[in-house]
Structures are given as C-alpha cells and as structure tokens.
Amino acid sequence: MNRTTPAIDRPEPTIRTVLRSDELTCPSCIEKIERRLGRMPGVARSRVHFATGRIEVDHDPKTVTPDELAAAVSELGYRATPSPF
C-alpha cells in the first residue's frame, strides 16, 4: 500500500507596506478603507491609524503592489501614497 500525505497549503510570505494619507476626515474612513483593502487578493491584514494617517497593509508582494494598494484607497476618495516609514 502506497501512502501519501496531502500537501500543506502554506500562505505566501507577506510584507508590510505603509501608505500615508492626509485626507482622512472622519473615523468612519477607517472601516471603509480596511474593508476595501481586506477584499483585495493577496492582502492578509490592513490597519488604518486615523490620527496619524498611517495605513499599514500586510500583503503578498507577488499578488498586489504598493501602487495597487494606494489606487484602491484612492478609489474611495482618499489620496494615499506609499511611505518608507
């Protein structure tokens, strides 16, 4: 009897991209942006810091780029740009 084990489905490694936005005007922006980014393929987690305008996104760099993340935020009406810190 030949026995095989199923392949383990391992998630791709993620990186953290930080976006900055000076256009977050109300706390309701947080949920809207986090939900939009969270629905993107390759995004494992997103977190918006309203007071600082910092948007942290953990994602698979092979699936989604920082520019695509910024574009998704822009589609909601908030200008966002990748930040080195």
C-alpha atoms as a PDB file:
ATOM      1  CA  MET A   1       0.000   0.000   0.000  1.00  0.00           C
ATOM      2  CA  ASN A   2       1.446   3.335  -1.082  1.00  0.00           C
ATOM      3  CA  ARG A   3       0.751   6.069   1.393  1.00  0.00           C
ATOM      4  CA  THR A   4       0.989   9.764   0.551  1.00  0.00           C
ATOM      5  CA  THR A   5       0.398  12.790   2.681  1.00  0.00           C
ATOM      6  CA  PRO A   6      -1.536  15.745   1.386  1.00  0.00           C
ATOM      7  CA  ALA A   7       0.432  18.860   0.548  1.00  0.00           C
ATOM      8  CA  ILE A   8       0.269  21.521   3.201  1.00  0.00           C
ATOM      9  CA  ASP A   9      -1.249  24.713   1.876  1.00  0.00           C
ATOM     10  CA  ARG A  10       1.165  27.348   3.125  1.00  0.00           C
ATOM     11  CA  PRO A  11       0.338  31.012   2.717  1.00  0.00           C
ATOM     12  CA  GLU A  12       2.747  33.125   0.734  1.00  0.00           C
ATOM     13  CA  PRO A  13       5.114  35.258   2.816  1.00  0.00           C
ATOM     14  CA  THR A  14       3.854  38.764   3.340  1.00  0.00           C
ATOM     15  CA  ILE A  15       5.490  42.149   3.585  1.00  0.00           C
ATOM     16  CA  ARG A  16       4.173  45.272   5.273  1.00  0.00           C
ATOM     17  CA  THR A  17       3.566  48.323   3.140  1.00  0.00           C
ATOM     18  CA  VAL A  18       2.853  51.645   4.786  1.00  0.00           C
ATOM     19  CA  LEU A  19       0.690  54.176   2.990  1.00  0.00           C
ATOM     20  CA  ARG A  20       0.170  57.754   4.143  1.00  0.00           C
ATOM     21  CA  SER A  21      -2.913  59.903   3.719  1.00  0.00           C
ATOM     22  CA  ASP A  22      -3.592  63.433   4.920  1.00  0.00           C
ATOM     23  CA  GLU A  23      -7.192  63.184   3.781  1.00  0.00           C
ATOM     24  CA  LEU A  24      -8.754  61.024   6.484  1.00  0.00           C
ATOM     25  CA  THR A  25     -11.528  63.278   7.727  1.00  0.00           C
ATOM     26  CA  CYS A  26     -13.598  61.069   9.995  1.00  0.00           C
ATOM     27  CA  PRO A  27     -13.273  57.821  11.956  1.00  0.00           C
ATOM     28  CA  SER A  28     -15.725  56.098   9.586  1.00  0.00           C
ATOM     29  CA  CYS A  29     -12.958  56.264   6.964  1.00  0.00           C
ATOM     30  CA  ILE A  30     -11.133  53.567   8.904  1.00  0.00           C
ATOM     31  CA  GLU A  31     -13.654  50.796   8.380  1.00  0.00           C
ATOM     32  CA  LYS A  32     -14.252  51.707   4.749  1.00  0.00           C
ATOM     33  CA  ILE A  33     -10.530  51.610   3.861  1.00  0.00           C
ATOM     34  CA  GLU A  34      -9.768  48.479   5.906  1.00  0.00           C
ATOM     35  CA  ARG A  35     -12.702  46.629   4.329  1.00  0.00           C
ATOM     36  CA  ARG A  36     -11.696  47.634   0.770  1.00  0.00           C
ATOM     37  CA  LEU A  37      -8.057  46.650   1.234  1.00  0.00           C
ATOM     38  CA  GLY A  38      -9.011  43.425   3.019  1.00  0.00           C
ATOM     39  CA  ARG A  39     -11.003  42.268  -0.011  1.00  0.00           C
ATOM     40  CA  MET A  40      -8.006  42.571  -2.334  1.00  0.00           C
ATOM     41  CA  PRO A  41      -6.306  39.330  -3.390  1.00  0.00           C
ATOM     42  CA  GLY A  42      -3.036  38.868  -1.532  1.00  0.00           C
ATOM     43  CA  VAL A  43      -3.894  41.148   1.398  1.00  0.00           C
ATOM     44  CA  ALA A  44      -3.598  39.377   4.733  1.00  0.00           C
ATOM     45  CA  ARG A  45      -4.334  42.344   7.001  1.00  0.00           C
ATOM     46  CA  SER A  46      -4.889  46.083   6.861  1.00  0.00           C
ATOM     47  CA  ARG A  47      -4.970  48.622   9.641  1.00  0.00           C
ATOM     48  CA  VAL A  48      -5.717  52.339   9.452  1.00  0.00           C
ATOM     49  CA  HIS A  49      -4.455  54.771  12.083  1.00  0.00           C
ATOM     50  CA  PHE A  50      -6.828  57.728  11.809  1.00  0.00           C
ATOM     51  CA  ALA A  51      -4.871  60.207  13.952  1.00  0.00           C
ATOM     52  CA  THR A  52      -1.611  59.779  12.021  1.00  0.00           C
ATOM     53  CA  GLY A  53      -2.954  58.996   8.537  1.00  0.00           C
ATOM     54  CA  ARG A  54      -0.886  55.805   8.513  1.00  0.00           C
ATOM     55  CA  ILE A  55      -2.290  52.792   6.659  1.00  0.00           C
ATOM     56  CA  GLU A  56      -0.457  49.502   7.250  1.00  0.00           C
ATOM     57  CA  VAL A  57      -1.075  46.632   4.853  1.00  0.00           C
ATOM     58  CA  ASP A  58       0.381  43.128   5.179  1.00  0.00           C
ATOM     59  CA  HIS A  59       0.281  41.566   1.732  1.00  0.00           C
ATOM     60  CA  ASP A  60       1.860  39.146  -0.723  1.00  0.00           C
ATOM     61  CA  PRO A  61       4.091  41.318  -2.945  1.00  0.00           C
ATOM     62  CA  LYS A  62       3.698  38.838  -5.812  1.00  0.00           C
ATOM     63  CA  THR A  63      -0.068  39.353  -5.842  1.00  0.00           C
ATOM     64  CA  VAL A  64      -0.574  43.059  -5.130  1.00  0.00           C
ATOM     65  CA  THR A  65       1.811  46.033  -5.346  1.00  0.00           C
ATOM     66  CA  PRO A  66       2.020  49.131  -3.139  1.00  0.00           C
ATOM     67  CA  ASP A  67       0.769  51.229  -6.064  1.00  0.00           C
ATOM     68  CA  GLU A  68      -2.293  48.983  -6.404  1.00  0.00           C
ATOM     69  CA  LEU A  69      -2.979  49.356  -2.682  1.00  0.00           C
ATOM     70  CA  ALA A  70      -2.739  53.153  -2.966  1.00  0.00           C
ATOM     71  CA  ALA A  71      -5.033  53.083  -6.008  1.00  0.00           C
ATOM     72  CA  ALA A  72      -7.648  51.123  -4.047  1.00  0.00           C
ATOM     73  CA  VAL A  73      -7.623  53.772  -1.310  1.00  0.00           C
ATOM     74  CA  SER A  74      -7.856  56.493  -3.964  1.00  0.00           C
ATOM     75  CA  GLU A  75     -10.936  54.810  -5.441  1.00  0.00           C
ATOM     76  CA  LEU A  76     -12.639  55.524  -2.115  1.00  0.00           C
ATOM     77  CA  GLY A  77     -11.805  59.229  -2.415  1.00  0.00           C
ATOM     78  CA  TYR A  78      -8.713  59.426  -0.203  1.00  0.00           C
ATOM     79  CA  ARG A  79      -5.310  60.183  -1.675  1.00  0.00           C
ATOM     80  CA  ALA A  80      -2.707  57.746  -0.346  1.00  0.00           C
ATOM     81  CA  THR A  81       0.942  57.254  -1.225  1.00  0.00           C
ATOM     82  CA  PRO A  82       3.482  54.578  -0.273  1.00  0.00           C
ATOM     83  CA  SER A  83       5.746  55.716   2.551  1.00  0.00           C
ATOM     84  CA  PRO A  84       9.188  54.447   3.564  1.00  0.00           C
ATOM     85  CA  PHE A  85       8.236  54.575   7.280  1.00  0.00           C
END
